[in-house]
Amino acid sequence: MTPTGQPQANEDTELTKAIKLLTSGWIFNGTDVQIIGHRFYGRVPYLTKNELENYLEQTHIRLKEII
């Protein structure tokens, strides 16, 4: 899960491809971290409190699914 300031969705854009390459392809590649997928949360600095709480709830649900 990657918070960003950009207003992108979860589809592949140039920015999301670059972030995936940097994290999954480079940083985590040699550390035995299992990559289970990316979810991008865009526009984080510009969201309302309710929108941010929704992102946190989505993250909490996702973490419960994978633990």
PDB file of N, CA and C in Angstrom:
ATOM      1  N   MET A   1       0.842  -1.166   0.000  1.00  0.00           N
ATOM      2  CA  MET A   1       0.000   0.000   0.000  1.00  0.00           C
ATOM      3  C   MET A   1       0.891   1.234   0.000  1.00  0.00           C
ATOM      4  N   THR A   2       0.631   2.086  -0.945  1.00  0.00           N
ATOM      5  CA  THR A   2       1.498   3.231  -1.134  1.00  0.00           C
ATOM      6  C   THR A   2       0.681   4.516  -1.149  1.00  0.00           C
ATOM      7  N   PRO A   3       0.867   5.391  -0.150  1.00  0.00           N
ATOM      8  CA  PRO A   3       0.204   6.686  -0.204  1.00  0.00           C
ATOM      9  C   PRO A   3       1.015   7.633  -1.085  1.00  0.00           C
ATOM     10  N   THR A   4       0.310   8.413  -1.895  1.00  0.00           N
ATOM     11  CA  THR A   4       0.989   9.376  -2.757  1.00  0.00           C
ATOM     12  C   THR A   4       0.226  10.695  -2.741  1.00  0.00           C
ATOM     13  N   GLY A   5       0.822  11.695  -3.323  1.00  0.00           N
ATOM     14  CA  GLY A   5       0.156  12.978  -3.473  1.00  0.00           C
ATOM     15  C   GLY A   5      -0.502  13.118  -4.831  1.00  0.00           C
ATOM     16  N   GLN A   6      -0.306  12.138  -5.699  1.00  0.00           N
ATOM     17  CA  GLN A   6      -0.849  12.184  -7.061  1.00  0.00           C
ATOM     18  C   GLN A   6      -2.262  11.621  -7.105  1.00  0.00           C
ATOM     19  N   PRO A   7      -3.093  12.129  -7.995  1.00  0.00           N
ATOM     20  CA  PRO A   7      -4.488  11.668  -8.069  1.00  0.00           C
ATOM     21  C   PRO A   7      -4.682  10.448  -8.956  1.00  0.00           C
ATOM     22  N   GLN A   8      -3.809   9.458  -8.845  1.00  0.00           N
ATOM     23  CA  GLN A   8      -3.950   8.276  -9.686  1.00  0.00           C
ATOM     24  C   GLN A   8      -4.804   7.210  -9.022  1.00  0.00           C
ATOM     25  N   ALA A   9      -5.339   6.339  -9.840  1.00  0.00           N
ATOM     26  CA  ALA A   9      -6.086   5.183  -9.347  1.00  0.00           C
ATOM     27  C   ALA A   9      -5.139   3.989  -9.315  1.00  0.00           C
ATOM     28  N   ASN A  10      -5.677   2.796  -9.139  1.00  0.00           N
ATOM     29  CA  ASN A  10      -4.836   1.610  -9.042  1.00  0.00           C
ATOM     30  C   ASN A  10      -4.407   1.043 -10.393  1.00  0.00           C
ATOM     31  N   GLU A  11      -4.879   1.616 -11.503  1.00  0.00           N
ATOM     32  CA  GLU A  11      -4.421   1.112 -12.791  1.00  0.00           C
ATOM     33  C   GLU A  11      -2.978   1.543 -13.040  1.00  0.00           C
ATOM     34  N   ASP A  12      -2.342   0.892 -13.993  1.00  0.00           N
ATOM     35  CA  ASP A  12      -0.943   1.196 -14.279  1.00  0.00           C
ATOM     36  C   ASP A  12      -0.805   2.528 -14.999  1.00  0.00           C
ATOM     37  N   THR A  13      -0.140   3.458 -14.355  1.00  0.00           N
ATOM     38  CA  THR A  13       0.246   4.721 -14.956  1.00  0.00           C
ATOM     39  C   THR A  13       1.764   4.756 -14.923  1.00  0.00           C
ATOM     40  N   GLU A  14       2.359   5.732 -15.524  1.00  0.00           N
ATOM     41  CA  GLU A  14       3.819   5.832 -15.489  1.00  0.00           C
ATOM     42  C   GLU A  14       4.318   5.946 -14.049  1.00  0.00           C
ATOM     43  N   LEU A  15       3.595   6.711 -13.228  1.00  0.00           N
ATOM     44  CA  LEU A  15       4.000   6.870 -11.831  1.00  0.00           C
ATOM     45  C   LEU A  15       3.877   5.561 -11.062  1.00  0.00           C
ATOM     46  N   THR A  16       2.746   4.877 -11.194  1.00  0.00           N
ATOM     47  CA  THR A  16       2.576   3.628 -10.438  1.00  0.00           C
ATOM     48  C   THR A  16       3.558   2.566 -10.907  1.00  0.00           C
ATOM     49  N   LYS A  17       3.849   2.520 -12.210  1.00  0.00           N
ATOM     50  CA  LYS A  17       4.849   1.573 -12.717  1.00  0.00           C
ATOM     51  C   LYS A  17       6.217   1.858 -12.097  1.00  0.00           C
ATOM     52  N   ALA A  18       6.568   3.140 -11.995  1.00  0.00           N
ATOM     53  CA  ALA A  18       7.864   3.517 -11.424  1.00  0.00           C
ATOM     54  C   ALA A  18       7.934   3.148  -9.935  1.00  0.00           C
ATOM     55  N   ILE A  19       6.856   3.388  -9.195  1.00  0.00           N
ATOM     56  CA  ILE A  19       6.845   3.052  -7.768  1.00  0.00           C
ATOM     57  C   ILE A  19       6.948   1.543  -7.585  1.00  0.00           C
ATOM     58  N   LYS A  20       6.202   0.777  -8.382  1.00  0.00           N
ATOM     59  CA  LYS A  20       6.279  -0.687  -8.293  1.00  0.00           C
ATOM     60  C   LYS A  20       7.680  -1.180  -8.608  1.00  0.00           C
ATOM     61  N   LEU A  21       8.305  -0.624  -9.651  1.00  0.00           N
ATOM     62  CA  LEU A  21       9.664  -1.018 -10.013  1.00  0.00           C
ATOM     63  C   LEU A  21      10.641  -0.712  -8.885  1.00  0.00           C
ATOM     64  N   LEU A  22      10.518   0.459  -8.308  1.00  0.00           N
ATOM     65  CA  LEU A  22      11.422   0.863  -7.235  1.00  0.00           C
ATOM     66  C   LEU A  22      11.254  -0.011  -6.001  1.00  0.00           C
ATOM     67  N   THR A  23      10.004  -0.251  -5.600  1.00  0.00           N
ATOM     68  CA  THR A  23       9.781  -1.005  -4.363  1.00  0.00           C
ATOM     69  C   THR A  23       9.875  -2.510  -4.593  1.00  0.00           C
ATOM     70  N   SER A  24       9.008  -3.051  -5.422  1.00  0.00           N
ATOM     71  CA  SER A  24       8.967  -4.500  -5.637  1.00  0.00           C
ATOM     72  C   SER A  24      10.172  -4.997  -6.418  1.00  0.00           C
ATOM     73  N   GLY A  25      10.588  -4.247  -7.408  1.00  0.00           N
ATOM     74  CA  GLY A  25      11.663  -4.703  -8.268  1.00  0.00           C
ATOM     75  C   GLY A  25      13.051  -4.428  -7.748  1.00  0.00           C
ATOM     76  N   TRP A  26      13.184  -3.499  -6.836  1.00  0.00           N
ATOM     77  CA  TRP A  26      14.525  -3.129  -6.400  1.00  0.00           C
ATOM     78  C   TRP A  26      14.681  -3.231  -4.888  1.00  0.00           C
ATOM     79  N   ILE A  27      13.943  -2.477  -4.119  1.00  0.00           N
ATOM     80  CA  ILE A  27      14.130  -2.432  -2.668  1.00  0.00           C
ATOM     81  C   ILE A  27      13.836  -3.779  -2.022  1.00  0.00           C
ATOM     82  N   PHE A  28      12.688  -4.388  -2.357  1.00  0.00           N
ATOM     83  CA  PHE A  28      12.295  -5.628  -1.693  1.00  0.00           C
ATOM     84  C   PHE A  28      12.829  -6.875  -2.378  1.00  0.00           C
ATOM     85  N   ASN A  29      13.395  -6.735  -3.561  1.00  0.00           N
ATOM     86  CA  ASN A  29      13.832  -7.875  -4.347  1.00  0.00           C
ATOM     87  C   ASN A  29      14.861  -8.735  -3.629  1.00  0.00           C
ATOM     88  N   GLY A  30      15.789  -8.151  -2.918  1.00  0.00           N
ATOM     89  CA  GLY A  30      16.851  -8.907  -2.282  1.00  0.00           C
ATOM     90  C   GLY A  30      16.662  -9.114  -0.790  1.00  0.00           C
ATOM     91  N   THR A  31      15.467  -8.894  -0.279  1.00  0.00           N
ATOM     92  CA  THR A  31      15.273  -8.966   1.169  1.00  0.00           C
ATOM     93  C   THR A  31      14.329 -10.071   1.613  1.00  0.00           C
ATOM     94  N   ASP A  32      13.972 -10.978   0.700  1.00  0.00           N
ATOM     95  CA  ASP A  32      13.051 -12.075   1.003  1.00  0.00           C
ATOM     96  C   ASP A  32      11.664 -11.592   1.429  1.00  0.00           C
ATOM     97  N   VAL A  33      11.281 -10.393   1.039  1.00  0.00           N
ATOM     98  CA  VAL A  33       9.942  -9.894   1.306  1.00  0.00           C
ATOM     99  C   VAL A  33       9.028 -10.422   0.209  1.00  0.00           C
ATOM    100  N   GLN A  34       7.910 -11.020   0.606  1.00  0.00           N
ATOM    101  CA  GLN A  34       6.957 -11.516  -0.372  1.00  0.00           C
ATOM    102  C   GLN A  34       6.045 -10.379  -0.814  1.00  0.00           C
ATOM    103  N   ILE A  35       6.026 -10.102  -2.093  1.00  0.00           N
ATOM    104  CA  ILE A  35       5.182  -9.051  -2.643  1.00  0.00           C
ATOM    105  C   ILE A  35       3.814  -9.651  -2.939  1.00  0.00           C
ATOM    106  N   ILE A  36       2.783  -9.089  -2.349  1.00  0.00           N
ATOM    107  CA  ILE A  36       1.432  -9.626  -2.539  1.00  0.00           C
ATOM    108  C   ILE A  36       0.543  -8.673  -3.328  1.00  0.00           C
ATOM    109  N   GLY A  37       1.093  -7.616  -3.829  1.00  0.00           N
ATOM    110  CA  GLY A  37       0.330  -6.679  -4.638  1.00  0.00           C
ATOM    111  C   GLY A  37       0.476  -5.258  -4.139  1.00  0.00           C
ATOM    112  N   HIS A  38       0.109  -4.356  -4.988  1.00  0.00           N
ATOM    113  CA  HIS A  38       0.182  -2.934  -4.637  1.00  0.00           C
ATOM    114  C   HIS A  38      -1.209  -2.333  -4.653  1.00  0.00           C
ATOM    115  N   ARG A  39      -1.437  -1.460  -3.733  1.00  0.00           N
ATOM    116  CA  ARG A  39      -2.630  -0.619  -3.751  1.00  0.00           C
ATOM    117  C   ARG A  39      -2.139   0.805  -3.515  1.00  0.00           C
ATOM    118  N   PHE A  40      -2.548   1.697  -4.373  1.00  0.00           N
ATOM    119  CA  PHE A  40      -2.133   3.090  -4.272  1.00  0.00           C
ATOM    120  C   PHE A  40      -3.268   3.928  -3.713  1.00  0.00           C
ATOM    121  N   TYR A  41      -2.933   4.764  -2.752  1.00  0.00           N
ATOM    122  CA  TYR A  41      -3.876   5.712  -2.182  1.00  0.00           C
ATOM    123  C   TYR A  41      -3.421   7.102  -2.608  1.00  0.00           C
ATOM    124  N   GLY A  42      -4.124   7.679  -3.571  1.00  0.00           N
ATOM    125  CA  GLY A  42      -3.706   8.952  -4.141  1.00  0.00           C
ATOM    126  C   GLY A  42      -4.263  10.158  -3.413  1.00  0.00           C
ATOM    127  N   ARG A  43      -3.645  11.299  -3.693  1.00  0.00           N
ATOM    128  CA  ARG A  43      -4.059  12.616  -3.190  1.00  0.00           C
ATOM    129  C   ARG A  43      -4.054  12.717  -1.666  1.00  0.00           C
ATOM    130  N   VAL A  44      -3.281  11.915  -0.990  1.00  0.00           N
ATOM    131  CA  VAL A  44      -3.308  11.852   0.477  1.00  0.00           C
ATOM    132  C   VAL A  44      -3.182  13.221   1.146  1.00  0.00           C
ATOM    133  N   PRO A  45      -2.287  14.104   0.715  1.00  0.00           N
ATOM    134  CA  PRO A  45      -2.183  15.403   1.406  1.00  0.00           C
ATOM    135  C   PRO A  45      -3.416  16.294   1.256  1.00  0.00           C
ATOM    136  N   TYR A  46      -4.288  15.966   0.326  1.00  0.00           N
ATOM    137  CA  TYR A  46      -5.418  16.836   0.002  1.00  0.00           C
ATOM    138  C   TYR A  46      -6.762  16.275   0.458  1.00  0.00           C
ATOM    139  N   LEU A  47      -6.763  15.153   1.136  1.00  0.00           N
ATOM    140  CA  LEU A  47      -8.017  14.493   1.504  1.00  0.00           C
ATOM    141  C   LEU A  47      -8.607  15.047   2.791  1.00  0.00           C
ATOM    142  N   THR A  48      -9.914  14.862   2.920  1.00  0.00           N
ATOM    143  CA  THR A  48     -10.595  15.252   4.154  1.00  0.00           C
ATOM    144  C   THR A  48     -10.326  14.198   5.228  1.00  0.00           C
ATOM    145  N   LYS A  49     -10.647  14.525   6.442  1.00  0.00           N
ATOM    146  CA  LYS A  49     -10.476  13.581   7.551  1.00  0.00           C
ATOM    147  C   LYS A  49     -11.261  12.297   7.283  1.00  0.00           C
ATOM    148  N   ASN A  50     -12.485  12.410   6.778  1.00  0.00           N
ATOM    149  CA  ASN A  50     -13.302  11.227   6.496  1.00  0.00           C
ATOM    150  C   ASN A  50     -12.682  10.366   5.400  1.00  0.00           C
ATOM    151  N   GLU A  51     -12.143  10.993   4.369  1.00  0.00           N
ATOM    152  CA  GLU A  51     -11.496  10.239   3.294  1.00  0.00           C
ATOM    153  C   GLU A  51     -10.254   9.510   3.815  1.00  0.00           C
ATOM    154  N   LEU A  52      -9.474  10.181   4.648  1.00  0.00           N
ATOM    155  CA  LEU A  52      -8.292   9.542   5.231  1.00  0.00           C
ATOM    156  C   LEU A  52      -8.688   8.375   6.136  1.00  0.00           C
ATOM    157  N   GLU A  53      -9.731   8.557   6.917  1.00  0.00           N
ATOM    158  CA  GLU A  53     -10.206   7.468   7.768  1.00  0.00           C
ATOM    159  C   GLU A  53     -10.675   6.286   6.930  1.00  0.00           C
ATOM    160  N   ASN A  54     -11.279   6.553   5.776  1.00  0.00           N
ATOM    161  CA  ASN A  54     -11.680   5.485   4.869  1.00  0.00           C
ATOM    162  C   ASN A  54     -10.458   4.719   4.355  1.00  0.00           C
ATOM    163  N   TYR A  55      -9.394   5.437   3.974  1.00  0.00           N
ATOM    164  CA  TYR A  55      -8.153   4.781   3.552  1.00  0.00           C
ATOM    165  C   TYR A  55      -7.602   3.897   4.673  1.00  0.00           C
ATOM    166  N   LEU A  56      -7.601   4.417   5.885  1.00  0.00           N
ATOM    167  CA  LEU A  56      -7.096   3.631   7.017  1.00  0.00           C
ATOM    168  C   LEU A  56      -7.943   2.389   7.257  1.00  0.00           C
ATOM    169  N   GLU A  57      -9.251   2.513   7.128  1.00  0.00           N
ATOM    170  CA  GLU A  57     -10.138   1.362   7.294  1.00  0.00           C
ATOM    171  C   GLU A  57      -9.889   0.325   6.202  1.00  0.00           C
ATOM    172  N   GLN A  58      -9.715   0.774   4.957  1.00  0.00           N
ATOM    173  CA  GLN A  58      -9.395  -0.145   3.866  1.00  0.00           C
ATOM    174  C   GLN A  58      -8.077  -0.870   4.135  1.00  0.00           C
ATOM    175  N   THR A  59      -7.098  -0.140   4.649  1.00  0.00           N
ATOM    176  CA  THR A  59      -5.805  -0.739   4.970  1.00  0.00           C
ATOM    177  C   THR A  59      -5.949  -1.759   6.087  1.00  0.00           C
ATOM    178  N   HIS A  60      -6.711  -1.442   7.094  1.00  0.00           N
ATOM    179  CA  HIS A  60      -6.946  -2.357   8.214  1.00  0.00           C
ATOM    180  C   HIS A  60      -7.611  -3.653   7.720  1.00  0.00           C
ATOM    181  N   ILE A  61      -8.603  -3.518   6.870  1.00  0.00           N
ATOM    182  CA  ILE A  61      -9.291  -4.700   6.314  1.00  0.00           C
ATOM    183  C   ILE A  61      -8.304  -5.542   5.504  1.00  0.00           C
ATOM    184  N   ARG A  62      -7.499  -4.903   4.681  1.00  0.00           N
ATOM    185  CA  ARG A  62      -6.520  -5.633   3.854  1.00  0.00           C
ATOM    186  C   ARG A  62      -5.500  -6.358   4.720  1.00  0.00           C
ATOM    187  N   LEU A  63      -5.028  -5.710   5.765  1.00  0.00           N
ATOM    188  CA  LEU A  63      -4.064  -6.356   6.660  1.00  0.00           C
ATOM    189  C   LEU A  63      -4.669  -7.569   7.352  1.00  0.00           C
ATOM    190  N   LYS A  64      -5.927  -7.469   7.756  1.00  0.00           N
ATOM    191  CA  LYS A  64      -6.601  -8.604   8.372  1.00  0.00           C
ATOM    192  C   LYS A  64      -6.725  -9.769   7.392  1.00  0.00           C
ATOM    193  N   GLU A  65      -6.892  -9.468   6.108  1.00  0.00           N
ATOM    194  CA  GLU A  65      -7.004 -10.512   5.086  1.00  0.00           C
ATOM    195  C   GLU A  65      -5.699 -11.268   4.896  1.00  0.00           C
ATOM    196  N   ILE A  66      -4.576 -10.598   5.065  1.00  0.00           N
ATOM    197  CA  ILE A  66      -3.294 -11.247   4.757  1.00  0.00           C
ATOM    198  C   ILE A  66      -2.557 -11.787   5.974  1.00  0.00           C
ATOM    199  N   ILE A  67      -3.029 -11.468   7.156  1.00  0.00           N
ATOM    200  CA  ILE A  67      -2.345 -11.970   8.362  1.00  0.00           C
ATOM    201  C   ILE A  67      -2.963 -13.284   8.787  1.00  0.00           C
TER     202      ILE A  67
END
